[in-house]
Amino acid sequence: MDKQIQKAKAIPITSLYKGQLRQTGKTLFGHCPWHKDDTPSFAIYPSTNTYNCFGGCQWGDSIQFWMKTYNVDFKTAVKELCKLK
């Protein structure tokens, strides 16, 4: 399972995010996929492949992103992400 977890974590969040992103320095900003916001409050950090919603929704890696987006548990998220590569 450890290899599957590493493989799932390696899926770029940018490939999972649906929407437009704008780059500021090394960070990508967009609208949060989980709450309505008028200004982009969602940040993706490509160097660590992590994200943060400054509106308080959540932060994490590609596995947490998939879990929250599709309302699935950890094990399901890992399996589904591994099928993407």
N, C-alpha and C. Protein backbone atom coordinates (compact mmCIF):
# COMPACT_ATOMS: atom_id res chain seq x y z
N MET A 1 0.83 -1.20 0.00
CA MET A 1 0.00 0.00 0.00
C MET A 1 0.87 1.26 0.00
N ASP A 2 2.07 1.19 0.61
CA ASP A 2 2.93 2.37 0.68
C ASP A 2 3.31 2.89 -0.71
N LYS A 3 3.59 1.98 -1.64
CA LYS A 3 3.93 2.41 -3.00
C LYS A 3 2.73 3.07 -3.67
N GLN A 4 1.54 2.54 -3.41
CA GLN A 4 0.33 3.13 -3.97
C GLN A 4 0.10 4.53 -3.40
N ILE A 5 0.35 4.69 -2.11
CA ILE A 5 0.19 6.00 -1.48
C ILE A 5 1.14 7.01 -2.11
N GLN A 6 2.40 6.62 -2.28
CA GLN A 6 3.38 7.52 -2.88
C GLN A 6 3.00 7.87 -4.31
N LYS A 7 2.51 6.88 -5.05
CA LYS A 7 2.07 7.11 -6.42
C LYS A 7 0.89 8.08 -6.45
N ALA A 8 -0.06 7.90 -5.55
CA ALA A 8 -1.23 8.78 -5.48
C ALA A 8 -0.83 10.20 -5.10
N LYS A 9 0.10 10.34 -4.15
CA LYS A 9 0.56 11.66 -3.73
C LYS A 9 1.32 12.38 -4.83
N ALA A 10 1.88 11.61 -5.78
CA ALA A 10 2.66 12.20 -6.86
C ALA A 10 1.79 12.77 -7.98
N ILE A 11 0.50 12.46 -7.99
CA ILE A 11 -0.40 13.02 -9.00
C ILE A 11 -0.47 14.54 -8.78
N PRO A 12 -0.13 15.33 -9.77
CA PRO A 12 -0.15 16.79 -9.57
C PRO A 12 -1.56 17.31 -9.29
N ILE A 13 -1.68 18.08 -8.24
CA ILE A 13 -2.97 18.67 -7.90
C ILE A 13 -3.46 19.55 -9.04
N THR A 14 -2.53 20.16 -9.76
CA THR A 14 -2.92 21.00 -10.89
C THR A 14 -3.68 20.21 -11.95
N SER A 15 -3.41 18.91 -12.05
CA SER A 15 -4.14 18.09 -13.02
C SER A 15 -5.52 17.69 -12.51
N LEU A 16 -5.75 17.81 -11.21
CA LEU A 16 -7.03 17.46 -10.61
C LEU A 16 -7.96 18.67 -10.49
N TYR A 17 -7.36 19.84 -10.42
CA TYR A 17 -8.11 21.08 -10.22
C TYR A 17 -8.83 21.46 -11.51
N LYS A 18 -10.11 21.75 -11.40
CA LYS A 18 -10.88 22.20 -12.56
C LYS A 18 -11.13 23.70 -12.40
N GLY A 19 -10.57 24.45 -13.27
CA GLY A 19 -10.70 25.90 -13.19
C GLY A 19 -9.41 26.56 -13.64
N GLN A 20 -9.44 27.87 -13.65
CA GLN A 20 -8.27 28.62 -14.08
C GLN A 20 -7.39 28.94 -12.89
N LEU A 21 -6.10 28.88 -13.13
CA LEU A 21 -5.11 29.20 -12.11
C LEU A 21 -4.23 30.33 -12.63
N ARG A 22 -3.83 31.22 -11.72
CA ARG A 22 -2.87 32.25 -12.10
C ARG A 22 -1.67 32.11 -11.17
N GLN A 23 -0.52 32.33 -11.77
CA GLN A 23 0.72 32.14 -11.02
C GLN A 23 1.19 33.45 -10.41
N THR A 24 1.54 33.39 -9.14
CA THR A 24 2.17 34.49 -8.44
C THR A 24 3.40 33.91 -7.75
N GLY A 25 4.55 34.23 -8.28
CA GLY A 25 5.78 33.62 -7.77
C GLY A 25 5.75 32.14 -8.07
N LYS A 26 5.94 31.33 -7.04
CA LYS A 26 5.93 29.88 -7.21
C LYS A 26 4.58 29.25 -6.84
N THR A 27 3.57 30.09 -6.56
CA THR A 27 2.26 29.63 -6.12
C THR A 27 1.22 29.88 -7.20
N LEU A 28 0.29 28.93 -7.33
CA LEU A 28 -0.82 29.08 -8.26
C LEU A 28 -2.09 29.37 -7.46
N PHE A 29 -2.86 30.35 -7.91
CA PHE A 29 -4.08 30.73 -7.21
C PHE A 29 -5.29 30.54 -8.10
N GLY A 30 -6.38 30.11 -7.48
CA GLY A 30 -7.65 29.96 -8.18
C GLY A 30 -8.78 30.03 -7.18
N HIS A 31 -10.00 29.91 -7.68
CA HIS A 31 -11.16 29.90 -6.80
C HIS A 31 -11.27 28.53 -6.13
N CYS A 32 -11.70 28.52 -4.90
CA CYS A 32 -11.83 27.28 -4.16
C CYS A 32 -12.89 26.39 -4.81
N PRO A 33 -12.57 25.12 -5.00
CA PRO A 33 -13.55 24.22 -5.60
C PRO A 33 -14.68 23.81 -4.65
N TRP A 34 -14.57 24.19 -3.37
CA TRP A 34 -15.56 23.73 -2.39
C TRP A 34 -16.43 24.82 -1.79
N HIS A 35 -16.09 26.07 -1.99
CA HIS A 35 -16.96 27.13 -1.51
C HIS A 35 -16.93 28.30 -2.50
N LYS A 36 -17.98 29.10 -2.47
CA LYS A 36 -18.06 30.25 -3.37
C LYS A 36 -17.18 31.36 -2.82
N ASP A 37 -16.33 31.89 -3.67
CA ASP A 37 -15.54 33.04 -3.25
C ASP A 37 -15.42 34.01 -4.42
N ASP A 38 -15.39 35.29 -4.09
CA ASP A 38 -15.31 36.33 -5.11
C ASP A 38 -13.88 36.57 -5.58
N THR A 39 -12.95 36.32 -4.71
CA THR A 39 -11.54 36.45 -5.07
C THR A 39 -10.86 35.11 -4.82
N PRO A 40 -9.89 34.76 -5.63
CA PRO A 40 -9.24 33.46 -5.46
C PRO A 40 -8.66 33.27 -4.06
N SER A 41 -9.12 32.23 -3.39
CA SER A 41 -8.64 31.94 -2.04
C SER A 41 -7.98 30.56 -1.95
N PHE A 42 -7.78 29.94 -3.09
CA PHE A 42 -7.25 28.59 -3.14
C PHE A 42 -5.85 28.63 -3.74
N ALA A 43 -4.88 28.09 -3.03
CA ALA A 43 -3.49 28.12 -3.48
C ALA A 43 -2.98 26.69 -3.67
N ILE A 44 -2.25 26.51 -4.76
CA ILE A 44 -1.56 25.24 -5.02
C ILE A 44 -0.06 25.55 -5.04
N TYR A 45 0.69 24.74 -4.31
CA TYR A 45 2.14 24.89 -4.23
C TYR A 45 2.78 23.74 -5.01
N PRO A 46 3.09 23.95 -6.29
CA PRO A 46 3.62 22.86 -7.12
C PRO A 46 4.91 22.23 -6.58
N SER A 47 5.74 22.99 -5.91
CA SER A 47 7.01 22.45 -5.43
C SER A 47 6.82 21.35 -4.38
N THR A 48 5.72 21.42 -3.64
CA THR A 48 5.44 20.39 -2.62
C THR A 48 4.20 19.57 -2.98
N ASN A 49 3.54 19.94 -4.08
CA ASN A 49 2.29 19.31 -4.51
C ASN A 49 1.27 19.29 -3.37
N THR A 50 1.08 20.47 -2.77
CA THR A 50 0.10 20.63 -1.71
C THR A 50 -0.78 21.83 -2.05
N TYR A 51 -1.86 21.98 -1.29
CA TYR A 51 -2.79 23.09 -1.52
C TYR A 51 -3.28 23.62 -0.18
N ASN A 52 -3.87 24.80 -0.23
CA ASN A 52 -4.48 25.40 0.94
C ASN A 52 -5.63 26.29 0.50
N CYS A 53 -6.75 26.17 1.18
CA CYS A 53 -7.85 27.10 0.98
C CYS A 53 -7.79 28.10 2.12
N PHE A 54 -7.56 29.37 1.79
CA PHE A 54 -7.45 30.40 2.82
C PHE A 54 -8.82 30.77 3.39
N GLY A 55 -9.89 30.23 2.79
CA GLY A 55 -11.24 30.42 3.32
C GLY A 55 -11.57 29.43 4.42
N GLY A 56 -10.65 28.53 4.70
CA GLY A 56 -10.82 27.59 5.80
C GLY A 56 -11.36 26.22 5.42
N CYS A 57 -11.49 25.94 4.14
CA CYS A 57 -12.02 24.63 3.73
C CYS A 57 -11.10 23.48 4.12
N GLN A 58 -9.88 23.55 3.67
CA GLN A 58 -8.97 22.44 3.90
C GLN A 58 -7.60 22.75 3.33
N TRP A 59 -6.61 21.96 3.73
CA TRP A 59 -5.29 21.99 3.14
C TRP A 59 -4.83 20.54 3.05
N GLY A 60 -3.88 20.26 2.19
CA GLY A 60 -3.37 18.90 2.12
C GLY A 60 -2.67 18.59 0.81
N ASP A 61 -2.64 17.30 0.50
CA ASP A 61 -1.97 16.83 -0.71
C ASP A 61 -3.03 16.34 -1.71
N SER A 62 -2.58 15.66 -2.75
CA SER A 62 -3.51 15.21 -3.79
C SER A 62 -4.52 14.20 -3.26
N ILE A 63 -4.13 13.41 -2.27
CA ILE A 63 -5.07 12.42 -1.71
C ILE A 63 -6.20 13.14 -0.97
N GLN A 64 -5.86 14.12 -0.13
CA GLN A 64 -6.90 14.87 0.59
C GLN A 64 -7.78 15.64 -0.40
N PHE A 65 -7.16 16.18 -1.46
CA PHE A 65 -7.93 16.90 -2.47
C PHE A 65 -8.98 15.97 -3.09
N TRP A 66 -8.58 14.76 -3.45
CA TRP A 66 -9.50 13.79 -4.07
C TRP A 66 -10.58 13.37 -3.07
N MET A 67 -10.18 13.14 -1.83
CA MET A 67 -11.14 12.73 -0.80
C MET A 67 -12.24 13.77 -0.63
N LYS A 68 -11.85 15.03 -0.54
CA LYS A 68 -12.84 16.09 -0.33
C LYS A 68 -13.68 16.33 -1.58
N THR A 69 -13.06 16.30 -2.75
CA THR A 69 -13.78 16.56 -4.00
C THR A 69 -14.82 15.49 -4.28
N TYR A 70 -14.47 14.24 -4.05
CA TYR A 70 -15.36 13.14 -4.42
C TYR A 70 -16.01 12.44 -3.22
N ASN A 71 -15.79 12.99 -2.03
CA ASN A 71 -16.41 12.47 -0.81
C ASN A 71 -16.15 10.96 -0.63
N VAL A 72 -14.88 10.59 -0.71
CA VAL A 72 -14.49 9.19 -0.55
C VAL A 72 -13.48 9.08 0.60
N ASP A 73 -13.29 7.86 1.08
CA ASP A 73 -12.32 7.64 2.15
C ASP A 73 -10.90 7.56 1.58
N PHE A 74 -9.93 7.47 2.47
CA PHE A 74 -8.52 7.49 2.09
C PHE A 74 -8.18 6.35 1.14
N LYS A 75 -8.56 5.15 1.50
CA LYS A 75 -8.23 3.96 0.69
C LYS A 75 -8.82 4.07 -0.72
N THR A 76 -10.05 4.52 -0.82
CA THR A 76 -10.69 4.68 -2.13
C THR A 76 -9.98 5.75 -2.94
N ALA A 77 -9.62 6.85 -2.29
CA ALA A 77 -8.92 7.94 -2.99
C ALA A 77 -7.60 7.45 -3.56
N VAL A 78 -6.85 6.70 -2.78
CA VAL A 78 -5.55 6.18 -3.25
C VAL A 78 -5.76 5.28 -4.46
N LYS A 79 -6.71 4.37 -4.37
CA LYS A 79 -6.98 3.45 -5.49
C LYS A 79 -7.39 4.21 -6.75
N GLU A 80 -8.29 5.17 -6.59
CA GLU A 80 -8.77 5.92 -7.75
C GLU A 80 -7.68 6.79 -8.36
N LEU A 81 -6.86 7.42 -7.54
CA LEU A 81 -5.76 8.23 -8.04
C LEU A 81 -4.73 7.37 -8.77
N CYS A 82 -4.47 6.19 -8.28
CA CYS A 82 -3.49 5.31 -8.92
C CYS A 82 -3.97 4.88 -10.31
N LYS A 83 -5.24 4.85 -10.53
CA LYS A 83 -5.78 4.49 -11.84
C LYS A 83 -5.58 5.61 -12.87
N LEU A 84 -5.33 6.83 -12.39
CA LEU A 84 -5.18 7.98 -13.30
C LEU A 84 -3.85 7.96 -14.03
N LYS A 85 -2.83 7.40 -13.45
CA LYS A 85 -1.50 7.42 -14.08
C LYS A 85 -1.33 6.28 -15.03
